[in-house]
Amino acid sequence: MAILGVAIYLIISQHNEMNDFKTQIAIEEERRALEAEYANLAFEYDQFEGSKMYINNDTLIKQLENEKLKVQRLLEELRTTKASNAQRINELKKELSTLRSVMKGYLIQIDSLNSLNQKLEKENKIVNTKYQEAAKTASLLQKDKEELTHQVTLASKLDAVAISVKTLNKREKETSKIDRIENIQINFLIAKNITAKPGERYIYIRIVKPDNDVLVKNMDNVFSYEDSEINYSMRKLIAYDSEETAVDMYWKVEEFLTPGTYKVEIFADGDLIGKKSFSLTK
């Protein structure tokens, strides 16, 4: 009778041990599955690392980093939790559900931010396009203005026409003999120009010798031309009323002249408005 009791006890003990063993295996399998889900969640958080520049929200980025650290910490805890600790494994399983809900909320926020960024990028592209178009239009208008200004400047420029150069002897007769020349007479017309500003202005004349030196009475006689100060032979103040104006100027020859071709250059308002050549012989 005692033997039978012992046998029954052993059978029950083995049965309980078998049940405990099966329970431990089931818990271990659940722990491993749970570990895999935690690892997968940690991997999903890792994917946000490359997207930080697109999220462009410091607060959200900080929250994501904190949740990532929390998942990694719980993953490490799960890996070291024994199957016999069924209560903690169950707690970690419930925690995983909460973490997934948090992850879902972050995904919604990121998606919303991405949509907003795309909208802003589209709007920014439209603004940039309009700005470029406006800048291009402004540039074209500026060019048109500059061209118009240039045309007006050219149109308002005085023009010396019908230029006549005579070399005269002491009896006021024309001569080309150098040793007989007493005066150089220069006559011309300032053409009519209704776009030119009326008023007084100086007319400058340069008489350039064959060696390119300028006939001058005083080396201090200079005027501005193309950002330089250059000598003039003579000048005359005239009153111009936008109508054709006759100008007569005389150069008293007091210097040695050489044979060759001479040039007469006429200037007004900083512009070369006319020129004429003449030749002298021995």
C-alpha atoms as a PDB file:
ATOM      1  CA  MET A   1       0.000   0.000   0.000  1.00  0.00           C
ATOM      2  CA  ALA A   2       2.884   2.320   0.832  1.00  0.00           C
ATOM      3  CA  ILE A   3       4.522   1.483  -2.497  1.00  0.00           C
ATOM      4  CA  LEU A   4       1.385   2.453  -4.394  1.00  0.00           C
ATOM      5  CA  GLY A   5       1.272   5.791  -2.604  1.00  0.00           C
ATOM      6  CA  VAL A   6       4.872   6.507  -3.537  1.00  0.00           C
ATOM      7  CA  ALA A   7       4.195   5.643  -7.169  1.00  0.00           C
ATOM      8  CA  ILE A   8       1.196   7.938  -7.336  1.00  0.00           C
ATOM      9  CA  TYR A   9       3.261  10.747  -5.806  1.00  0.00           C
ATOM     10  CA  LEU A  10       6.030  10.277  -8.341  1.00  0.00           C
ATOM     11  CA  ILE A  11       3.582  10.296 -11.243  1.00  0.00           C
ATOM     12  CA  ILE A  12       1.946  13.521 -10.021  1.00  0.00           C
ATOM     13  CA  SER A  13       5.368  15.156  -9.454  1.00  0.00           C
ATOM     14  CA  GLN A  14       6.549  14.229 -12.933  1.00  0.00           C
ATOM     15  CA  HIS A  15       3.312  15.511 -14.431  1.00  0.00           C
ATOM     16  CA  ASN A  16       3.680  18.840 -12.599  1.00  0.00           C
ATOM     17  CA  GLU A  17       7.320  19.112 -13.637  1.00  0.00           C
ATOM     18  CA  MET A  18       6.305  18.435 -17.232  1.00  0.00           C
ATOM     19  CA  ASN A  19       3.664  21.150 -17.066  1.00  0.00           C
ATOM     20  CA  ASP A  20       6.146  23.565 -15.503  1.00  0.00           C
ATOM     21  CA  PHE A  21       8.664  22.743 -18.242  1.00  0.00           C
ATOM     22  CA  LYS A  22       6.083  23.346 -20.997  1.00  0.00           C
ATOM     23  CA  THR A  23       5.088  26.612 -19.336  1.00  0.00           C
ATOM     24  CA  GLN A  24       8.739  27.736 -19.202  1.00  0.00           C
ATOM     25  CA  ILE A  25       9.188  26.871 -22.900  1.00  0.00           C
ATOM     26  CA  ALA A  26       6.036  28.813 -23.835  1.00  0.00           C
ATOM     27  CA  ILE A  27       7.181  31.821 -21.795  1.00  0.00           C
ATOM     28  CA  GLU A  28      10.643  31.664 -23.364  1.00  0.00           C
ATOM     29  CA  GLU A  29       9.145  31.543 -26.857  1.00  0.00           C
ATOM     30  CA  GLU A  30       6.961  34.517 -25.975  1.00  0.00           C
ATOM     31  CA  ARG A  31      10.041  36.369 -24.611  1.00  0.00           C
ATOM     32  CA  ARG A  32      11.971  35.730 -27.803  1.00  0.00           C
ATOM     33  CA  ALA A  33       9.047  36.870 -29.955  1.00  0.00           C
ATOM     34  CA  LEU A  34       8.686  39.939 -27.768  1.00  0.00           C
ATOM     35  CA  GLU A  35      12.446  40.572 -28.080  1.00  0.00           C
ATOM     36  CA  ALA A  36      12.136  40.441 -31.858  1.00  0.00           C
ATOM     37  CA  GLU A  37       9.301  42.988 -31.794  1.00  0.00           C
ATOM     38  CA  TYR A  38      11.319  45.307 -29.552  1.00  0.00           C
ATOM     39  CA  ALA A  39      14.328  44.972 -31.881  1.00  0.00           C
ATOM     40  CA  ASN A  40      12.102  45.764 -34.850  1.00  0.00           C
ATOM     41  CA  LEU A  41      10.733  48.848 -33.046  1.00  0.00           C
ATOM     42  CA  ALA A  42      14.280  49.970 -32.204  1.00  0.00           C
ATOM     43  CA  PHE A  43      15.192  49.535 -35.872  1.00  0.00           C
ATOM     44  CA  GLU A  44      12.230  51.720 -36.881  1.00  0.00           C
ATOM     45  CA  TYR A  45      13.477  54.469 -34.572  1.00  0.00           C
ATOM     46  CA  ASP A  46      16.952  54.140 -36.122  1.00  0.00           C
ATOM     47  CA  GLN A  47      15.420  54.967 -39.502  1.00  0.00           C
ATOM     48  CA  PHE A  48      14.567  58.437 -38.230  1.00  0.00           C
ATOM     49  CA  GLU A  49      18.272  59.300 -37.928  1.00  0.00           C
ATOM     50  CA  GLY A  50      18.579  59.919 -41.655  1.00  0.00           C
ATOM     51  CA  SER A  51      15.367  61.934 -41.718  1.00  0.00           C
ATOM     52  CA  LYS A  52      16.249  64.544 -39.083  1.00  0.00           C
ATOM     53  CA  MET A  53      17.093  67.185 -41.687  1.00  0.00           C
ATOM     54  CA  TYR A  54      13.659  66.784 -43.216  1.00  0.00           C
ATOM     55  CA  ILE A  55      11.750  66.783 -39.893  1.00  0.00           C
ATOM     56  CA  ASN A  56      13.111  70.254 -39.017  1.00  0.00           C
ATOM     57  CA  ASN A  57      11.481  70.251 -35.585  1.00  0.00           C
ATOM     58  CA  ASP A  58      13.881  70.208 -32.617  1.00  0.00           C
ATOM     59  CA  THR A  59      11.201  69.291 -30.074  1.00  0.00           C
ATOM     60  CA  LEU A  60       9.983  66.296 -32.084  1.00  0.00           C
ATOM     61  CA  ILE A  61      13.555  65.152 -32.774  1.00  0.00           C
ATOM     62  CA  LYS A  62      14.317  65.252 -29.042  1.00  0.00           C
ATOM     63  CA  GLN A  63      11.170  63.221 -28.282  1.00  0.00           C
ATOM     64  CA  LEU A  64      12.133  60.633 -30.880  1.00  0.00           C
ATOM     65  CA  GLU A  65      15.627  60.309 -29.393  1.00  0.00           C
ATOM     66  CA  ASN A  66      14.191  59.822 -25.891  1.00  0.00           C
ATOM     67  CA  GLU A  67      11.749  57.141 -27.101  1.00  0.00           C
ATOM     68  CA  LYS A  68      14.520  55.430 -29.017  1.00  0.00           C
ATOM     69  CA  LEU A  69      16.669  55.258 -25.850  1.00  0.00           C
ATOM     70  CA  LYS A  70      13.690  53.931 -23.895  1.00  0.00           C
ATOM     71  CA  VAL A  71      13.056  51.152 -26.427  1.00  0.00           C
ATOM     72  CA  GLN A  72      16.750  50.208 -26.439  1.00  0.00           C
ATOM     73  CA  ARG A  73      16.796  50.105 -22.633  1.00  0.00           C
ATOM     74  CA  LEU A  74      13.714  47.895 -22.457  1.00  0.00           C
ATOM     75  CA  LEU A  75      15.142  45.663 -25.202  1.00  0.00           C
ATOM     76  CA  GLU A  76      18.311  45.129 -23.177  1.00  0.00           C
ATOM     77  CA  GLU A  77      16.217  44.415 -20.070  1.00  0.00           C
ATOM     78  CA  LEU A  78      14.131  41.887 -21.991  1.00  0.00           C
ATOM     79  CA  ARG A  79      17.236  40.110 -23.237  1.00  0.00           C
ATOM     80  CA  THR A  80      18.421  39.605 -19.661  1.00  0.00           C
ATOM     81  CA  THR A  81      15.009  38.692 -18.223  1.00  0.00           C
ATOM     82  CA  LYS A  82      14.668  34.996 -17.390  1.00  0.00           C
ATOM     83  CA  ALA A  83      11.701  33.009 -18.600  1.00  0.00           C
ATOM     84  CA  SER A  84      10.777  32.315 -14.989  1.00  0.00           C
ATOM     85  CA  ASN A  85       9.915  36.011 -14.579  1.00  0.00           C
ATOM     86  CA  ALA A  86       6.582  35.752 -16.370  1.00  0.00           C
ATOM     87  CA  GLN A  87       5.193  38.830 -14.637  1.00  0.00           C
ATOM     88  CA  ARG A  88       7.942  41.162 -15.963  1.00  0.00           C
ATOM     89  CA  ILE A  89       7.680  39.661 -19.435  1.00  0.00           C
ATOM     90  CA  ASN A  90       3.950  40.324 -19.392  1.00  0.00           C
ATOM     91  CA  GLU A  91       4.600  43.912 -18.249  1.00  0.00           C
ATOM     92  CA  LEU A  92       7.083  44.419 -21.103  1.00  0.00           C
ATOM     93  CA  LYS A  93       4.518  43.044 -23.531  1.00  0.00           C
ATOM     94  CA  LYS A  94       1.962  45.631 -22.395  1.00  0.00           C
ATOM     95  CA  GLU A  95       4.664  48.328 -22.553  1.00  0.00           C
ATOM     96  CA  LEU A  96       5.362  47.360 -26.153  1.00  0.00           C
ATOM     97  CA  SER A  97       1.751  48.091 -27.059  1.00  0.00           C
ATOM     98  CA  THR A  98       2.078  51.563 -25.511  1.00  0.00           C
ATOM     99  CA  LEU A  99       5.370  52.167 -27.332  1.00  0.00           C
ATOM    100  CA  ARG A 100       3.795  51.223 -30.669  1.00  0.00           C
ATOM    101  CA  SER A 101       0.964  53.691 -30.044  1.00  0.00           C
ATOM    102  CA  VAL A 102       3.531  56.392 -29.322  1.00  0.00           C
ATOM    103  CA  MET A 103       5.396  55.455 -32.509  1.00  0.00           C
ATOM    104  CA  LYS A 104       2.164  55.710 -34.502  1.00  0.00           C
ATOM    105  CA  GLY A 105       1.590  59.207 -33.092  1.00  0.00           C
ATOM    106  CA  TYR A 106       5.084  60.268 -34.147  1.00  0.00           C
ATOM    107  CA  LEU A 107       4.547  58.881 -37.642  1.00  0.00           C
ATOM    108  CA  ILE A 108       1.371  60.958 -37.956  1.00  0.00           C
ATOM    109  CA  GLN A 109       3.263  64.092 -36.824  1.00  0.00           C
ATOM    110  CA  ILE A 110       6.139  63.417 -39.235  1.00  0.00           C
ATOM    111  CA  ASP A 111       3.762  62.788 -42.105  1.00  0.00           C
ATOM    112  CA  SER A 112       1.984  66.052 -41.289  1.00  0.00           C
ATOM    113  CA  LEU A 113       5.311  67.906 -41.176  1.00  0.00           C
ATOM    114  CA  ASN A 114       6.387  66.351 -44.469  1.00  0.00           C
ATOM    115  CA  SER A 115       3.133  67.428 -46.084  1.00  0.00           C
ATOM    116  CA  LEU A 116       3.593  70.931 -44.687  1.00  0.00           C
ATOM    117  CA  ASN A 117       7.222  71.031 -45.881  1.00  0.00           C
ATOM    118  CA  GLN A 118       6.177  69.918 -49.356  1.00  0.00           C
ATOM    119  CA  LYS A 119       3.510  72.612 -49.408  1.00  0.00           C
ATOM    120  CA  LEU A 120       6.001  75.235 -48.239  1.00  0.00           C
ATOM    121  CA  GLU A 121       8.575  74.069 -50.791  1.00  0.00           C
ATOM    122  CA  LYS A 122       5.970  74.313 -53.529  1.00  0.00           C
ATOM    123  CA  GLU A 123       4.937  77.782 -52.370  1.00  0.00           C
ATOM    124  CA  ASN A 124       8.593  78.803 -52.064  1.00  0.00           C
ATOM    125  CA  LYS A 125       9.247  77.566 -55.594  1.00  0.00           C
ATOM    126  CA  ILE A 126       6.311  79.612 -56.873  1.00  0.00           C
ATOM    127  CA  VAL A 127       7.565  82.680 -54.966  1.00  0.00           C
ATOM    128  CA  ASN A 128      11.097  82.179 -56.321  1.00  0.00           C
ATOM    129  CA  THR A 129       9.764  81.779 -59.848  1.00  0.00           C
ATOM    130  CA  LYS A 130       7.732  84.971 -59.519  1.00  0.00           C
ATOM    131  CA  TYR A 131      10.731  86.753 -57.995  1.00  0.00           C
ATOM    132  CA  GLN A 132      12.967  85.636 -60.865  1.00  0.00           C
ATOM    133  CA  GLU A 133      10.359  86.738 -63.373  1.00  0.00           C
ATOM    134  CA  ALA A 134      10.031  90.099 -61.607  1.00  0.00           C
ATOM    135  CA  ALA A 135      13.822  90.462 -61.454  1.00  0.00           C
ATOM    136  CA  LYS A 136      14.066  89.611 -65.145  1.00  0.00           C
ATOM    137  CA  THR A 137      11.354  92.148 -65.971  1.00  0.00           C
ATOM    138  CA  ALA A 138      13.097  94.763 -63.817  1.00  0.00           C
ATOM    139  CA  SER A 139      16.391  93.996 -65.561  1.00  0.00           C
ATOM    140  CA  LEU A 140      14.782  94.365 -68.981  1.00  0.00           C
ATOM    141  CA  LEU A 141      13.142  97.620 -67.902  1.00  0.00           C
ATOM    142  CA  GLN A 142      16.485  98.864 -66.596  1.00  0.00           C
ATOM    143  CA  LYS A 143      18.136  97.953 -69.894  1.00  0.00           C
ATOM    144  CA  ASP A 144      15.354  99.690 -71.792  1.00  0.00           C
ATOM    145  CA  LYS A 145      15.801 102.727 -69.547  1.00  0.00           C
ATOM    146  CA  GLU A 146      19.557 102.728 -70.072  1.00  0.00           C
ATOM    147  CA  GLU A 147      19.112 102.313 -73.813  1.00  0.00           C
ATOM    148  CA  LEU A 148      16.574 105.131 -73.876  1.00  0.00           C
ATOM    149  CA  THR A 149      18.889 107.303 -71.786  1.00  0.00           C
ATOM    150  CA  HIS A 150      21.731 106.486 -74.170  1.00  0.00           C
ATOM    151  CA  GLN A 151      19.568 107.316 -77.162  1.00  0.00           C
ATOM    152  CA  VAL A 152      18.457 110.584 -75.565  1.00  0.00           C
ATOM    153  CA  THR A 153      22.086 111.393 -74.772  1.00  0.00           C
ATOM    154  CA  LEU A 154      23.086 110.704 -78.354  1.00  0.00           C
ATOM    155  CA  ALA A 155      20.103 112.644 -79.658  1.00  0.00           C
ATOM    156  CA  SER A 156      20.942 115.648 -77.470  1.00  0.00           C
ATOM    157  CA  LYS A 157      24.594 115.662 -78.522  1.00  0.00           C
ATOM    158  CA  LEU A 158      25.612 118.740 -80.496  1.00  0.00           C
ATOM    159  CA  ASP A 159      26.890 118.276 -84.038  1.00  0.00           C
ATOM    160  CA  ALA A 160      29.392 120.541 -85.827  1.00  0.00           C
ATOM    161  CA  VAL A 161      28.703 120.608 -89.578  1.00  0.00           C
ATOM    162  CA  ALA A 162      29.908 122.535 -92.627  1.00  0.00           C
ATOM    163  CA  ILE A 163      33.380 122.785 -91.082  1.00  0.00           C
ATOM    164  CA  SER A 164      35.730 125.056 -92.972  1.00  0.00           C
ATOM    165  CA  VAL A 165      39.431 125.616 -92.240  1.00  0.00           C
ATOM    166  CA  LYS A 166      41.304 128.439 -93.956  1.00  0.00           C
ATOM    167  CA  THR A 167      44.935 129.409 -93.541  1.00  0.00           C
ATOM    168  CA  LEU A 168      45.305 133.177 -94.147  1.00  0.00           C
ATOM    169  CA  ASN A 169      48.216 135.483 -94.809  1.00  0.00           C
ATOM    170  CA  LYS A 170      48.563 138.969 -93.379  1.00  0.00           C
ATOM    171  CA  ARG A 171      46.237 140.348 -96.108  1.00  0.00           C
ATOM    172  CA  GLU A 172      43.534 137.828 -95.077  1.00  0.00           C
ATOM    173  CA  LYS A 173      44.085 135.857 -98.295  1.00  0.00           C
ATOM    174  CA  GLU A 174      44.132 132.069 -98.300  1.00  0.00           C
ATOM    175  CA  THR A 175      47.523 130.421 -98.555  1.00  0.00           C
ATOM    176  CA  SER A 176      48.973 126.991 -97.839  1.00  0.00           C
ATOM    177  CA  LYS A 177      52.561 128.275 -97.681  1.00  0.00           C
ATOM    178  CA  ILE A 178      53.771 127.862 -94.109  1.00  0.00           C
ATOM    179  CA  ASP A 179      55.989 130.915 -94.044  1.00  0.00           C
ATOM    180  CA  ARG A 180      53.113 133.174 -95.122  1.00  0.00           C
ATOM    181  CA  ILE A 181      50.415 131.985 -92.702  1.00  0.00           C
ATOM    182  CA  GLU A 182      49.345 134.538 -90.095  1.00  0.00           C
ATOM    183  CA  ASN A 183      45.976 133.097 -88.958  1.00  0.00           C
ATOM    184  CA  ILE A 184      44.009 129.858 -89.080  1.00  0.00           C
ATOM    185  CA  GLN A 185      40.310 130.590 -89.542  1.00  0.00           C
ATOM    186  CA  ILE A 186      37.851 127.893 -88.488  1.00  0.00           C
ATOM    187  CA  ASN A 187      34.150 128.272 -89.340  1.00  0.00           C
ATOM    188  CA  PHE A 188      31.338 125.785 -88.691  1.00  0.00           C
ATOM    189  CA  LEU A 189      27.692 125.461 -87.788  1.00  0.00           C
ATOM    190  CA  ILE A 190      26.243 123.880 -84.665  1.00  0.00           C
ATOM    191  CA  ALA A 191      23.304 121.999 -86.178  1.00  0.00           C
ATOM    192  CA  LYS A 192      19.745 122.480 -85.002  1.00  0.00           C
ATOM    193  CA  ASN A 193      18.840 120.040 -82.246  1.00  0.00           C
ATOM    194  CA  ILE A 194      15.577 120.447 -80.334  1.00  0.00           C
ATOM    195  CA  THR A 195      16.551 117.722 -77.831  1.00  0.00           C
ATOM    196  CA  ALA A 196      19.744 119.532 -76.811  1.00  0.00           C
ATOM    197  CA  LYS A 197      19.509 121.669 -73.695  1.00  0.00           C
ATOM    198  CA  PRO A 198      19.632 125.366 -74.654  1.00  0.00           C
ATOM    199  CA  GLY A 199      21.958 127.766 -72.917  1.00  0.00           C
ATOM    200  CA  GLU A 200      25.538 128.927 -72.807  1.00  0.00           C
ATOM    201  CA  ARG A 201      28.325 126.423 -73.341  1.00  0.00           C
ATOM    202  CA  TYR A 202      31.985 126.416 -74.256  1.00  0.00           C
ATOM    203  CA  ILE A 203      33.168 125.199 -77.656  1.00  0.00           C
ATOM    204  CA  TYR A 204      36.718 123.830 -77.547  1.00  0.00           C
ATOM    205  CA  ILE A 205      39.028 123.423 -80.549  1.00  0.00           C
ATOM    206  CA  ARG A 206      42.203 121.399 -80.747  1.00  0.00           C
ATOM    207  CA  ILE A 207      44.561 121.995 -83.661  1.00  0.00           C
ATOM    208  CA  VAL A 208      46.709 118.879 -83.873  1.00  0.00           C
ATOM    209  CA  LYS A 209      50.047 119.035 -85.700  1.00  0.00           C
ATOM    210  CA  PRO A 210      51.414 116.246 -87.940  1.00  0.00           C
ATOM    211  CA  ASP A 211      53.469 114.943 -84.957  1.00  0.00           C
ATOM    212  CA  ASN A 212      50.234 114.790 -82.859  1.00  0.00           C
ATOM    213  CA  ASP A 213      51.236 117.686 -80.615  1.00  0.00           C
ATOM    214  CA  VAL A 214      48.521 120.258 -79.979  1.00  0.00           C
ATOM    215  CA  LEU A 215      48.978 123.937 -80.731  1.00  0.00           C
ATOM    216  CA  VAL A 216      48.544 125.727 -77.390  1.00  0.00           C
ATOM    217  CA  LYS A 217      49.235 129.196 -76.005  1.00  0.00           C
ATOM    218  CA  ASN A 218      49.268 127.942 -72.415  1.00  0.00           C
ATOM    219  CA  MET A 219      49.806 124.346 -71.189  1.00  0.00           C
ATOM    220  CA  ASP A 220      47.253 125.019 -68.429  1.00  0.00           C
ATOM    221  CA  ASN A 221      44.495 125.289 -71.040  1.00  0.00           C
ATOM    222  CA  VAL A 222      42.787 121.925 -70.511  1.00  0.00           C
ATOM    223  CA  PHE A 223      39.267 120.462 -70.454  1.00  0.00           C
ATOM    224  CA  SER A 224      37.719 117.108 -69.505  1.00  0.00           C
ATOM    225  CA  TYR A 225      37.258 114.433 -72.131  1.00  0.00           C
ATOM    226  CA  GLU A 226      36.677 110.722 -71.512  1.00  0.00           C
ATOM    227  CA  ASP A 227      37.880 110.870 -67.886  1.00  0.00           C
ATOM    228  CA  SER A 228      41.068 112.727 -68.848  1.00  0.00           C
ATOM    229  CA  GLU A 229      42.256 116.317 -68.889  1.00  0.00           C
ATOM    230  CA  ILE A 230      43.494 117.253 -72.377  1.00  0.00           C
ATOM    231  CA  ASN A 231      44.860 120.466 -73.878  1.00  0.00           C
ATOM    232  CA  TYR A 232      42.866 122.705 -76.161  1.00  0.00           C
ATOM    233  CA  SER A 233      44.078 125.308 -78.614  1.00  0.00           C
ATOM    234  CA  MET A 234      41.198 127.764 -78.144  1.00  0.00           C
ATOM    235  CA  ARG A 235      37.669 127.981 -76.797  1.00  0.00           C
ATOM    236  CA  LYS A 236      34.624 130.182 -77.238  1.00  0.00           C
ATOM    237  CA  LEU A 237      31.523 130.698 -75.130  1.00  0.00           C
ATOM    238  CA  ILE A 238      28.383 130.587 -77.256  1.00  0.00           C
ATOM    239  CA  ALA A 239      24.673 130.950 -76.567  1.00  0.00           C
ATOM    240  CA  TYR A 240      22.863 127.981 -78.081  1.00  0.00           C
ATOM    241  CA  ASP A 241      19.062 128.036 -78.357  1.00  0.00           C
ATOM    242  CA  SER A 242      18.645 124.621 -80.059  1.00  0.00           C
ATOM    243  CA  GLU A 243      18.655 126.363 -83.444  1.00  0.00           C
ATOM    244  CA  GLU A 244      21.436 126.315 -86.032  1.00  0.00           C
ATOM    245  CA  THR A 245      24.272 128.470 -84.732  1.00  0.00           C
ATOM    246  CA  ALA A 246      27.275 129.776 -86.668  1.00  0.00           C
ATOM    247  CA  VAL A 247      30.674 129.781 -84.955  1.00  0.00           C
ATOM    248  CA  ASP A 248      33.838 131.527 -86.191  1.00  0.00           C
ATOM    249  CA  MET A 249      37.182 131.120 -84.411  1.00  0.00           C
ATOM    250  CA  TYR A 250      40.702 132.324 -85.256  1.00  0.00           C
ATOM    251  CA  TRP A 251      44.109 131.029 -84.256  1.00  0.00           C
ATOM    252  CA  LYS A 252      46.969 133.531 -84.365  1.00  0.00           C
ATOM    253  CA  VAL A 253      50.027 131.681 -85.646  1.00  0.00           C
ATOM    254  CA  GLU A 254      52.965 132.542 -83.408  1.00  0.00           C
ATOM    255  CA  GLU A 255      54.767 129.202 -83.453  1.00  0.00           C
ATOM    256  CA  PHE A 256      56.824 127.287 -85.985  1.00  0.00           C
ATOM    257  CA  LEU A 257      54.652 125.146 -88.270  1.00  0.00           C
ATOM    258  CA  THR A 258      55.851 122.086 -90.139  1.00  0.00           C
ATOM    259  CA  PRO A 259      54.590 120.755 -93.468  1.00  0.00           C
ATOM    260  CA  GLY A 260      52.051 117.931 -93.315  1.00  0.00           C
ATOM    261  CA  THR A 261      48.479 117.142 -92.429  1.00  0.00           C
ATOM    262  CA  TYR A 262      46.839 118.947 -89.517  1.00  0.00           C
ATOM    263  CA  LYS A 263      43.597 118.010 -87.740  1.00  0.00           C
ATOM    264  CA  VAL A 264      40.973 120.302 -86.277  1.00  0.00           C
ATOM    265  CA  GLU A 265      38.881 118.655 -83.526  1.00  0.00           C
ATOM    266  CA  ILE A 266      35.791 120.390 -82.148  1.00  0.00           C
ATOM    267  CA  PHE A 267      34.365 119.567 -78.698  1.00  0.00           C
ATOM    268  CA  ALA A 268      31.316 120.573 -76.668  1.00  0.00           C
ATOM    269  CA  ASP A 269      29.777 119.180 -73.469  1.00  0.00           C
ATOM    270  CA  GLY A 270      32.613 116.664 -73.179  1.00  0.00           C
ATOM    271  CA  ASP A 271      31.913 115.186 -76.646  1.00  0.00           C
ATOM    272  CA  LEU A 272      33.828 115.272 -79.906  1.00  0.00           C
ATOM    273  CA  ILE A 273      31.251 116.889 -82.183  1.00  0.00           C
ATOM    274  CA  GLY A 274      33.226 117.348 -85.389  1.00  0.00           C
ATOM    275  CA  LYS A 275      36.636 117.220 -87.057  1.00  0.00           C
ATOM    276  CA  LYS A 276      38.388 118.369 -90.210  1.00  0.00           C
ATOM    277  CA  SER A 277      41.837 117.903 -91.744  1.00  0.00           C
ATOM    278  CA  PHE A 278      43.961 120.332 -93.741  1.00  0.00           C
ATOM    279  CA  SER A 279      47.446 120.274 -95.205  1.00  0.00           C
ATOM    280  CA  LEU A 280      50.322 122.740 -95.240  1.00  0.00           C
ATOM    281  CA  THR A 281      53.304 122.902 -97.584  1.00  0.00           C
ATOM    282  CA  LYS A 282      56.602 124.714 -97.539  1.00  0.00           C
END
